[in-house]
Amino acid sequence: MINESGEPDLIAVISTDNQPGYVRRDDLNDADGTTAAESFKSPEDALRWQERNAGIVRYIPVYESDGETRIGMFQVGGD
């Protein structure tokens, strides 16, 4: 959640093995296309990215609140 300090570096999630934890915002942005979207110059760029990435599942690390201790993985994409 964005607040007066900006966006948090860690985002709360539930890992693939049902453990509560956190993912790094940058990892999530890379996995979900947010980072790629910064380079789009047209709606067609976005559509091409969606077509190339349709159905792709990515996994990013889940951490304890210290942002260092890995405790699992988080799935981005897929069904």
PDB file of N, CA and C in Angstrom:
ATOM      1  N   MET A   1       0.843  -1.168   0.000  1.00  0.00           N
ATOM      2  CA  MET A   1       0.000   0.000   0.000  1.00  0.00           C
ATOM      3  C   MET A   1       0.892   1.237   0.000  1.00  0.00           C
ATOM      4  N   ILE A   2       0.596   2.159  -0.873  1.00  0.00           N
ATOM      5  CA  ILE A   2       1.344   3.406  -0.945  1.00  0.00           C
ATOM      6  C   ILE A   2       0.931   4.301   0.210  1.00  0.00           C
ATOM      7  N   ASN A   3       1.924   4.885   0.876  1.00  0.00           N
ATOM      8  CA  ASN A   3       1.642   5.823   1.955  1.00  0.00           C
ATOM      9  C   ASN A   3       2.539   7.042   1.798  1.00  0.00           C
ATOM     10  N   GLU A   4       2.643   7.851   2.826  1.00  0.00           N
ATOM     11  CA  GLU A   4       3.447   9.064   2.731  1.00  0.00           C
ATOM     12  C   GLU A   4       4.925   8.778   2.484  1.00  0.00           C
ATOM     13  N   SER A   5       5.359   7.557   2.737  1.00  0.00           N
ATOM     14  CA  SER A   5       6.743   7.169   2.495  1.00  0.00           C
ATOM     15  C   SER A   5       6.947   6.557   1.116  1.00  0.00           C
ATOM     16  N   GLY A   6       5.884   6.417   0.332  1.00  0.00           N
ATOM     17  CA  GLY A   6       5.973   5.807  -0.988  1.00  0.00           C
ATOM     18  C   GLY A   6       5.556   4.360  -0.959  1.00  0.00           C
ATOM     19  N   GLU A   7       6.000   3.614  -1.957  1.00  0.00           N
ATOM     20  CA  GLU A   7       5.675   2.190  -2.034  1.00  0.00           C
ATOM     21  C   GLU A   7       6.644   1.387  -1.169  1.00  0.00           C
ATOM     22  N   PRO A   8       6.151   0.343  -0.522  1.00  0.00           N
ATOM     23  CA  PRO A   8       7.055  -0.482   0.291  1.00  0.00           C
ATOM     24  C   PRO A   8       7.967  -1.324  -0.598  1.00  0.00           C
ATOM     25  N   ASP A   9       9.143  -1.645  -0.083  1.00  0.00           N
ATOM     26  CA  ASP A   9      10.068  -2.519  -0.809  1.00  0.00           C
ATOM     27  C   ASP A   9       9.639  -3.971  -0.733  1.00  0.00           C
ATOM     28  N   LEU A  10       8.920  -4.342   0.336  1.00  0.00           N
ATOM     29  CA  LEU A  10       8.442  -5.708   0.511  1.00  0.00           C
ATOM     30  C   LEU A  10       6.924  -5.729   0.450  1.00  0.00           C
ATOM     31  N   ILE A  11       6.388  -6.694  -0.295  1.00  0.00           N
ATOM     32  CA  ILE A  11       4.953  -6.850  -0.486  1.00  0.00           C
ATOM     33  C   ILE A  11       4.530  -8.171   0.161  1.00  0.00           C
ATOM     34  N   ALA A  12       3.493  -8.126   0.998  1.00  0.00           N
ATOM     35  CA  ALA A  12       3.017  -9.335   1.673  1.00  0.00           C
ATOM     36  C   ALA A  12       2.350 -10.277   0.671  1.00  0.00           C
ATOM     37  N   VAL A  13       2.699 -11.561   0.760  1.00  0.00           N
ATOM     38  CA  VAL A  13       2.127 -12.600  -0.111  1.00  0.00           C
ATOM     39  C   VAL A  13       1.991 -13.891   0.693  1.00  0.00           C
ATOM     40  N   ILE A  14       1.379 -14.863   0.063  1.00  0.00           N
ATOM     41  CA  ILE A  14       1.335 -16.229   0.570  1.00  0.00           C
ATOM     42  C   ILE A  14       2.117 -17.080  -0.430  1.00  0.00           C
ATOM     43  N   SER A  15       3.099 -17.804   0.056  1.00  0.00           N
ATOM     44  CA  SER A  15       3.951 -18.606  -0.819  1.00  0.00           C
ATOM     45  C   SER A  15       3.175 -19.784  -1.406  1.00  0.00           C
ATOM     46  N   THR A  16       3.815 -20.465  -2.346  1.00  0.00           N
ATOM     47  CA  THR A  16       3.185 -21.622  -2.988  1.00  0.00           C
ATOM     48  C   THR A  16       2.903 -22.744  -2.005  1.00  0.00           C
ATOM     49  N   ASP A  17       3.609 -22.742  -0.870  1.00  0.00           N
ATOM     50  CA  ASP A  17       3.336 -23.754   0.154  1.00  0.00           C
ATOM     51  C   ASP A  17       2.582 -23.155   1.350  1.00  0.00           C
ATOM     52  N   ASN A  18       1.815 -22.097   1.069  1.00  0.00           N
ATOM     53  CA  ASN A  18       0.898 -21.460   2.034  1.00  0.00           C
ATOM     54  C   ASN A  18       1.567 -20.823   3.245  1.00  0.00           C
ATOM     55  N   GLN A  19       2.785 -20.349   3.074  1.00  0.00           N
ATOM     56  CA  GLN A  19       3.472 -19.641   4.148  1.00  0.00           C
ATOM     57  C   GLN A  19       3.349 -18.135   3.922  1.00  0.00           C
ATOM     58  N   PRO A  20       2.964 -17.372   4.934  1.00  0.00           N
ATOM     59  CA  PRO A  20       2.948 -15.921   4.772  1.00  0.00           C
ATOM     60  C   PRO A  20       4.372 -15.389   4.730  1.00  0.00           C
ATOM     61  N   GLY A  21       4.601 -14.434   3.871  1.00  0.00           N
ATOM     62  CA  GLY A  21       5.928 -13.846   3.752  1.00  0.00           C
ATOM     63  C   GLY A  21       5.870 -12.626   2.860  1.00  0.00           C
ATOM     64  N   TYR A  22       7.009 -12.277   2.302  1.00  0.00           N
ATOM     65  CA  TYR A  22       7.121 -11.044   1.526  1.00  0.00           C
ATOM     66  C   TYR A  22       7.955 -11.277   0.276  1.00  0.00           C
ATOM     67  N   VAL A  23       7.581 -10.589  -0.804  1.00  0.00           N
ATOM     68  CA  VAL A  23       8.394 -10.568  -2.016  1.00  0.00           C
ATOM     69  C   VAL A  23       8.926  -9.156  -2.183  1.00  0.00           C
ATOM     70  N   ARG A  24      10.040  -9.046  -2.858  1.00  0.00           N
ATOM     71  CA  ARG A  24      10.590  -7.728  -3.157  1.00  0.00           C
ATOM     72  C   ARG A  24       9.779  -7.102  -4.284  1.00  0.00           C
ATOM     73  N   ARG A  25       9.459  -5.843  -4.121  1.00  0.00           N
ATOM     74  CA  ARG A  25       8.668  -5.130  -5.127  1.00  0.00           C
ATOM     75  C   ARG A  25       9.326  -5.218  -6.502  1.00  0.00           C
ATOM     76  N   ASP A  26      10.636  -5.045  -6.577  1.00  0.00           N
ATOM     77  CA  ASP A  26      11.325  -5.100  -7.867  1.00  0.00           C
ATOM     78  C   ASP A  26      11.189  -6.473  -8.519  1.00  0.00           C
ATOM     79  N   ASP A  27      11.274  -7.549  -7.723  1.00  0.00           N
ATOM     80  CA  ASP A  27      11.110  -8.900  -8.270  1.00  0.00           C
ATOM     81  C   ASP A  27       9.701  -9.076  -8.833  1.00  0.00           C
ATOM     82  N   LEU A  28       8.712  -8.606  -8.087  1.00  0.00           N
ATOM     83  CA  LEU A  28       7.327  -8.724  -8.532  1.00  0.00           C
ATOM     84  C   LEU A  28       7.094  -7.907  -9.796  1.00  0.00           C
ATOM     85  N   ASN A  29       7.619  -6.692  -9.836  1.00  0.00           N
ATOM     86  CA  ASN A  29       7.461  -5.840 -11.022  1.00  0.00           C
ATOM     87  C   ASN A  29       8.105  -6.471 -12.251  1.00  0.00           C
ATOM     88  N   ASP A  30       9.261  -7.108 -12.082  1.00  0.00           N
ATOM     89  CA  ASP A  30       9.910  -7.789 -13.208  1.00  0.00           C
ATOM     90  C   ASP A  30       9.076  -8.975 -13.681  1.00  0.00           C
ATOM     91  N   ALA A  31       8.523  -9.725 -12.747  1.00  0.00           N
ATOM     92  CA  ALA A  31       7.776 -10.941 -13.079  1.00  0.00           C
ATOM     93  C   ALA A  31       6.407 -10.649 -13.682  1.00  0.00           C
ATOM     94  N   ASP A  32       5.754  -9.567 -13.238  1.00  0.00           N
ATOM     95  CA  ASP A  32       4.385  -9.320 -13.714  1.00  0.00           C
ATOM     96  C   ASP A  32       4.292  -8.365 -14.905  1.00  0.00           C
ATOM     97  N   GLY A  33       5.430  -7.877 -15.390  1.00  0.00           N
ATOM     98  CA  GLY A  33       5.426  -7.018 -16.569  1.00  0.00           C
ATOM     99  C   GLY A  33       5.432  -5.532 -16.277  1.00  0.00           C
ATOM    100  N   THR A  34       5.367  -5.141 -15.025  1.00  0.00           N
ATOM    101  CA  THR A  34       5.364  -3.728 -14.688  1.00  0.00           C
ATOM    102  C   THR A  34       6.646  -3.051 -15.166  1.00  0.00           C
ATOM    103  N   THR A  35       7.775  -3.702 -14.968  1.00  0.00           N
ATOM    104  CA  THR A  35       9.052  -3.139 -15.418  1.00  0.00           C
ATOM    105  C   THR A  35       9.082  -3.032 -16.932  1.00  0.00           C
ATOM    106  N   ALA A  36       8.637  -4.073 -17.618  1.00  0.00           N
ATOM    107  CA  ALA A  36       8.614  -4.052 -19.085  1.00  0.00           C
ATOM    108  C   ALA A  36       7.735  -2.928 -19.605  1.00  0.00           C
ATOM    109  N   ALA A  37       6.630  -2.667 -18.923  1.00  0.00           N
ATOM    110  CA  ALA A  37       5.678  -1.651 -19.378  1.00  0.00           C
ATOM    111  C   ALA A  37       6.305  -0.266 -19.445  1.00  0.00           C
ATOM    112  N   GLU A  38       7.334  -0.030 -18.658  1.00  0.00           N
ATOM    113  CA  GLU A  38       7.987   1.278 -18.681  1.00  0.00           C
ATOM    114  C   GLU A  38       8.620   1.583 -20.029  1.00  0.00           C
ATOM    115  N   SER A  39       8.913   0.544 -20.811  1.00  0.00           N
ATOM    116  CA  SER A  39       9.540   0.751 -22.123  1.00  0.00           C
ATOM    117  C   SER A  39       8.544   0.762 -23.278  1.00  0.00           C
ATOM    118  N   PHE A  40       7.279   0.463 -23.006  1.00  0.00           N
ATOM    119  CA  PHE A  40       6.288   0.424 -24.079  1.00  0.00           C
ATOM    120  C   PHE A  40       6.068   1.828 -24.637  1.00  0.00           C
ATOM    121  N   LYS A  41       6.006   1.902 -25.950  1.00  0.00           N
ATOM    122  CA  LYS A  41       5.765   3.178 -26.603  1.00  0.00           C
ATOM    123  C   LYS A  41       4.378   3.252 -27.235  1.00  0.00           C
ATOM    124  N   SER A  42       3.672   2.108 -27.232  1.00  0.00           N
ATOM    125  CA  SER A  42       2.340   2.072 -27.840  1.00  0.00           C
ATOM    126  C   SER A  42       1.544   0.925 -27.235  1.00  0.00           C
ATOM    127  N   PRO A  43       0.228   0.943 -27.443  1.00  0.00           N
ATOM    128  CA  PRO A  43      -0.580  -0.197 -26.999  1.00  0.00           C
ATOM    129  C   PRO A  43      -0.150  -1.501 -27.676  1.00  0.00           C
ATOM    130  N   GLU A  44       0.347  -1.396 -28.891  1.00  0.00           N
ATOM    131  CA  GLU A  44       0.801  -2.591 -29.598  1.00  0.00           C
ATOM    132  C   GLU A  44       1.983  -3.239 -28.888  1.00  0.00           C
ATOM    133  N   ASP A  45       2.874  -2.412 -28.313  1.00  0.00           N
ATOM    134  CA  ASP A  45       3.993  -2.962 -27.530  1.00  0.00           C
ATOM    135  C   ASP A  45       3.460  -3.796 -26.372  1.00  0.00           C
ATOM    136  N   ALA A  46       2.437  -3.288 -25.701  1.00  0.00           N
ATOM    137  CA  ALA A  46       1.844  -4.015 -24.581  1.00  0.00           C
ATOM    138  C   ALA A  46       1.212  -5.320 -25.052  1.00  0.00           C
ATOM    139  N   LEU A  47       0.507  -5.275 -26.165  1.00  0.00           N
ATOM    140  CA  LEU A  47      -0.117  -6.486 -26.697  1.00  0.00           C
ATOM    141  C   LEU A  47       0.928  -7.528 -27.086  1.00  0.00           C
ATOM    142  N   ARG A  48       2.028  -7.096 -27.698  1.00  0.00           N
ATOM    143  CA  ARG A  48       3.103  -8.039 -28.057  1.00  0.00           C
ATOM    144  C   ARG A  48       3.689  -8.685 -26.801  1.00  0.00           C
ATOM    145  N   TRP A  49       3.890  -7.871 -25.764  1.00  0.00           N
ATOM    146  CA  TRP A  49       4.431  -8.421 -24.515  1.00  0.00           C
ATOM    147  C   TRP A  49       3.465  -9.453 -23.947  1.00  0.00           C
ATOM    148  N   GLN A  50       2.177  -9.129 -23.947  1.00  0.00           N
ATOM    149  CA  GLN A  50       1.175 -10.067 -23.428  1.00  0.00           C
ATOM    150  C   GLN A  50       1.175 -11.367 -24.214  1.00  0.00           C
ATOM    151  N   GLU A  51       1.255 -11.283 -25.534  1.00  0.00           N
ATOM    152  CA  GLU A  51       1.261 -12.487 -26.371  1.00  0.00           C
ATOM    153  C   GLU A  51       2.497 -13.340 -26.100  1.00  0.00           C
ATOM    154  N   ARG A  52       3.669 -12.698 -25.992  1.00  0.00           N
ATOM    155  CA  ARG A  52       4.918 -13.433 -25.740  1.00  0.00           C
ATOM    156  C   ARG A  52       4.925 -14.089 -24.363  1.00  0.00           C
ATOM    157  N   ASN A  53       4.208 -13.510 -23.421  1.00  0.00           N
ATOM    158  CA  ASN A  53       4.261 -13.997 -22.044  1.00  0.00           C
ATOM    159  C   ASN A  53       3.009 -14.743 -21.599  1.00  0.00           C
ATOM    160  N   ALA A  54       2.073 -14.929 -22.509  1.00  0.00           N
ATOM    161  CA  ALA A  54       0.828 -15.632 -22.170  1.00  0.00           C
ATOM    162  C   ALA A  54       1.128 -17.040 -21.673  1.00  0.00           C
ATOM    163  N   GLY A  55       0.584 -17.371 -20.526  1.00  0.00           N
ATOM    164  CA  GLY A  55       0.715 -18.712 -19.982  1.00  0.00           C
ATOM    165  C   GLY A  55       2.041 -19.012 -19.287  1.00  0.00           C
ATOM    166  N   ILE A  56       2.963 -18.075 -19.306  1.00  0.00           N
ATOM    167  CA  ILE A  56       4.251 -18.301 -18.658  1.00  0.00           C
ATOM    168  C   ILE A  56       4.097 -18.120 -17.151  1.00  0.00           C
ATOM    169  N   VAL A  57       4.632 -19.055 -16.415  1.00  0.00           N
ATOM    170  CA  VAL A  57       4.613 -18.990 -14.957  1.00  0.00           C
ATOM    171  C   VAL A  57       6.020 -18.637 -14.485  1.00  0.00           C
ATOM    172  N   ARG A  58       6.095 -17.657 -13.633  1.00  0.00           N
ATOM    173  CA  ARG A  58       7.373 -17.267 -13.034  1.00  0.00           C
ATOM    174  C   ARG A  58       7.271 -17.449 -11.523  1.00  0.00           C
ATOM    175  N   TYR A  59       8.376 -17.798 -10.925  1.00  0.00           N
ATOM    176  CA  TYR A  59       8.441 -17.949  -9.477  1.00  0.00           C
ATOM    177  C   TYR A  59       9.489 -16.993  -8.934  1.00  0.00           C
ATOM    178  N   ILE A  60       9.105 -16.270  -7.891  1.00  0.00           N
ATOM    179  CA  ILE A  60      10.038 -15.349  -7.253  1.00  0.00           C
ATOM    180  C   ILE A  60      10.161 -15.713  -5.775  1.00  0.00           C
ATOM    181  N   PRO A  61      11.300 -15.404  -5.177  1.00  0.00           N
ATOM    182  CA  PRO A  61      11.528 -15.789  -3.779  1.00  0.00           C
ATOM    183  C   PRO A  61      10.606 -15.057  -2.810  1.00  0.00           C
ATOM    184  N   VAL A  62      10.217 -15.777  -1.775  1.00  0.00           N
ATOM    185  CA  VAL A  62       9.451 -15.210  -0.655  1.00  0.00           C
ATOM    186  C   VAL A  62      10.402 -15.171   0.543  1.00  0.00           C
ATOM    187  N   TYR A  63      10.350 -14.054   1.256  1.00  0.00           N
ATOM    188  CA  TYR A  63      11.254 -13.821   2.382  1.00  0.00           C
ATOM    189  C   TYR A  63      10.472 -13.596   3.672  1.00  0.00           C
ATOM    190  N   GLU A  64      11.174 -13.770   4.787  1.00  0.00           N
ATOM    191  CA  GLU A  64      10.649 -13.317   6.068  1.00  0.00           C
ATOM    192  C   GLU A  64      10.687 -11.784   6.042  1.00  0.00           C
ATOM    193  N   SER A  65      10.177 -11.151   7.070  1.00  0.00           N
ATOM    194  CA  SER A  65      10.078  -9.687   7.090  1.00  0.00           C
ATOM    195  C   SER A  65      11.432  -8.989   7.043  1.00  0.00           C
ATOM    196  N   ASP A  66      12.531  -9.726   7.270  1.00  0.00           N
ATOM    197  CA  ASP A  66      13.855  -9.111   7.184  1.00  0.00           C
ATOM    198  C   ASP A  66      14.293  -8.894   5.736  1.00  0.00           C
ATOM    199  N   GLY A  67      13.555  -9.474   4.779  1.00  0.00           N
ATOM    200  CA  GLY A  67      13.890  -9.320   3.369  1.00  0.00           C
ATOM    201  C   GLY A  67      15.123 -10.095   2.947  1.00  0.00           C
ATOM    202  N   GLU A  68      15.649 -10.940   3.815  1.00  0.00           N
ATOM    203  CA  GLU A  68      16.870 -11.704   3.534  1.00  0.00           C
ATOM    204  C   GLU A  68      16.652 -13.207   3.634  1.00  0.00           C
ATOM    205  N   THR A  69      15.907 -13.643   4.625  1.00  0.00           N
ATOM    206  CA  THR A  69      15.721 -15.074   4.883  1.00  0.00           C
ATOM    207  C   THR A  69      14.650 -15.634   3.951  1.00  0.00           C
ATOM    208  N   ARG A  70      15.087 -16.485   3.003  1.00  0.00           N
ATOM    209  CA  ARG A  70      14.149 -17.069   2.046  1.00  0.00           C
ATOM    210  C   ARG A  70      13.353 -18.183   2.706  1.00  0.00           C
ATOM    211  N   ILE A  71      12.045 -18.146   2.474  1.00  0.00           N
ATOM    212  CA  ILE A  71      11.186 -19.164   3.080  1.00  0.00           C
ATOM    213  C   ILE A  71      10.298 -19.881   2.066  1.00  0.00           C
ATOM    214  N   GLY A  72      10.355 -19.488   0.811  1.00  0.00           N
ATOM    215  CA  GLY A  72       9.528 -20.150  -0.184  1.00  0.00           C
ATOM    216  C   GLY A  72       9.552 -19.416  -1.516  1.00  0.00           C
ATOM    217  N   MET A  73       8.556 -19.737  -2.330  1.00  0.00           N
ATOM    218  CA  MET A  73       8.437 -19.134  -3.662  1.00  0.00           C
ATOM    219  C   MET A  73       7.006 -18.634  -3.843  1.00  0.00           C
ATOM    220  N   PHE A  74       6.854 -17.633  -4.717  1.00  0.00           N
ATOM    221  CA  PHE A  74       5.564 -17.057  -5.052  1.00  0.00           C
ATOM    222  C   PHE A  74       5.358 -17.178  -6.553  1.00  0.00           C
ATOM    223  N   GLN A  75       4.205 -17.653  -6.955  1.00  0.00           N
ATOM    224  CA  GLN A  75       3.899 -17.848  -8.371  1.00  0.00           C
ATOM    225  C   GLN A  75       3.275 -16.600  -8.957  1.00  0.00           C
ATOM    226  N   VAL A  76       3.820 -16.182 -10.097  1.00  0.00           N
ATOM    227  CA  VAL A  76       3.275 -15.053 -10.852  1.00  0.00           C
ATOM    228  C   VAL A  76       2.915 -15.573 -12.238  1.00  0.00           C
ATOM    229  N   GLY A  77       1.677 -15.401 -12.632  1.00  0.00           N
ATOM    230  CA  GLY A  77       1.226 -15.853 -13.935  1.00  0.00           C
ATOM    231  C   GLY A  77       0.661 -17.259 -13.888  1.00  0.00           C
ATOM    232  N   GLY A  78       0.255 -17.727 -15.042  1.00  0.00           N
ATOM    233  CA  GLY A  78      -0.358 -19.051 -15.124  1.00  0.00           C
ATOM    234  C   GLY A  78      -1.804 -19.000 -14.680  1.00  0.00           C
ATOM    235  N   ASP A  79      -2.383 -20.165 -14.487  1.00  0.00           N
ATOM    236  CA  ASP A  79      -3.789 -20.241 -14.083  1.00  0.00           C
ATOM    237  C   ASP A  79      -3.956 -20.278 -12.592  1.00  0.00           C
TER     238      ASP A  79
END
